[in-house]
Amino acid sequence: FRSDWNQSASSVWLTSYCAKIFQDASFNEWENYIYIDPDVISMSVSWVLEHQMPEGSFYEVTWSPDRNANDSIAVPMDSQLYRD
């Protein structure tokens, strides 16, 4: 999945989040109200797993506007790094 507001590439975190929400919403008792194709969830999870590093972490393939989610724009000794 991707954000269309800036025509960005697909996002690992957004795809993961959507797969989780779609899985949560695909209960049998909800099928009369909403249907989510299980193949959409499977393809999403497969795509995310292609971006998993050998040690288990995932790498983002697109720009992230959230400073906390994007280490490449962190400033050394930034007070944001040391907050709880």
Protein backbone atom coordinates (compact mmCIF):
# COMPACT_ATOMS: atom_id res chain seq x y z
CA PHE A 1 0.00 0.00 0.00
CA ARG A 2 1.11 3.55 -0.52
CA SER A 3 0.09 7.07 0.11
CA ASP A 4 -1.35 8.64 -3.03
CA TRP A 5 -1.09 12.22 -1.82
CA ASN A 6 2.54 12.42 -2.90
CA GLN A 7 2.70 9.55 -5.43
CA SER A 8 5.22 7.76 -3.23
CA ALA A 9 6.41 4.19 -3.57
CA SER A 10 4.80 1.41 -1.57
CA SER A 11 5.46 1.63 2.14
CA VAL A 12 6.50 -1.26 4.38
CA TRP A 13 4.92 0.20 7.52
CA LEU A 14 1.70 1.20 5.77
CA THR A 15 1.36 -2.20 4.10
CA SER A 16 1.99 -3.93 7.44
CA TYR A 17 -0.58 -1.76 9.17
CA CYS A 18 -3.21 -2.34 6.47
CA ALA A 19 -2.61 -6.10 6.50
CA LYS A 20 -3.13 -6.12 10.27
CA ILE A 21 -6.32 -4.08 10.07
CA PHE A 22 -7.67 -6.17 7.18
CA GLN A 23 -6.92 -9.37 9.09
CA ASP A 24 -8.66 -7.99 12.18
CA ALA A 25 -11.69 -7.02 10.07
CA SER A 26 -12.03 -10.37 8.31
CA PHE A 27 -14.03 -12.15 11.01
CA ASN A 28 -16.72 -14.58 9.87
CA GLU A 29 -19.44 -12.75 11.78
CA TRP A 30 -18.62 -9.56 9.84
CA GLU A 31 -18.75 -11.11 6.37
CA ASN A 32 -22.28 -9.79 5.76
CA TYR A 33 -21.00 -6.24 6.21
CA ILE A 34 -17.51 -6.29 4.75
CA TYR A 35 -15.55 -8.78 2.66
CA ILE A 36 -11.79 -8.63 2.37
CA ASP A 37 -10.21 -11.02 -0.09
CA PRO A 38 -7.72 -13.22 1.81
CA ASP A 39 -5.40 -13.05 -1.21
CA VAL A 40 -4.99 -9.30 -0.64
CA ILE A 41 -3.79 -9.95 2.90
CA SER A 42 -1.51 -12.80 1.78
CA MET A 43 0.07 -10.75 -1.00
CA SER A 44 0.59 -7.84 1.39
CA VAL A 45 2.32 -10.01 3.97
CA SER A 46 4.46 -11.65 1.28
CA TRP A 47 5.54 -8.24 -0.01
CA VAL A 48 6.45 -7.10 3.51
CA LEU A 49 8.45 -10.28 4.13
CA GLU A 50 10.52 -9.52 1.02
CA HIS A 51 11.79 -6.46 2.92
CA GLN A 52 12.91 -8.33 6.02
CA MET A 53 16.60 -8.30 6.91
CA PRO A 54 18.41 -11.50 7.98
CA GLU A 55 18.39 -10.41 11.66
CA GLY A 56 14.60 -9.96 11.55
CA SER A 57 14.22 -6.21 11.14
CA PHE A 58 12.45 -4.58 8.23
CA TYR A 59 13.70 -1.75 6.04
CA GLU A 60 11.53 1.00 4.63
CA VAL A 61 11.68 1.52 0.89
CA THR A 62 10.11 4.95 0.77
CA TRP A 63 10.53 8.32 2.41
CA SER A 64 8.88 8.64 5.80
CA PRO A 65 7.65 12.07 6.94
CA ASP A 66 7.71 10.97 10.59
CA ARG A 67 11.08 11.87 12.08
CA ASN A 68 10.84 9.09 14.67
CA ALA A 69 10.32 6.47 11.96
CA ASN A 70 13.17 7.66 9.74
CA ASP A 71 16.66 7.36 11.25
CA SER A 72 18.30 8.91 8.20
CA ILE A 73 17.20 12.40 9.25
CA ALA A 74 18.10 12.11 12.94
CA VAL A 75 20.45 14.77 14.25
CA PRO A 76 23.21 13.58 16.63
CA MET A 77 22.59 14.64 20.24
CA ASP A 78 19.04 15.62 19.35
CA SER A 79 16.89 15.78 22.48
CA GLN A 80 14.21 13.84 20.59
CA LEU A 81 16.44 10.76 20.71
CA TYR A 82 16.50 10.76 24.49
CA ARG A 83 12.80 11.16 25.21
CA ASP A 84 10.65 8.41 26.67
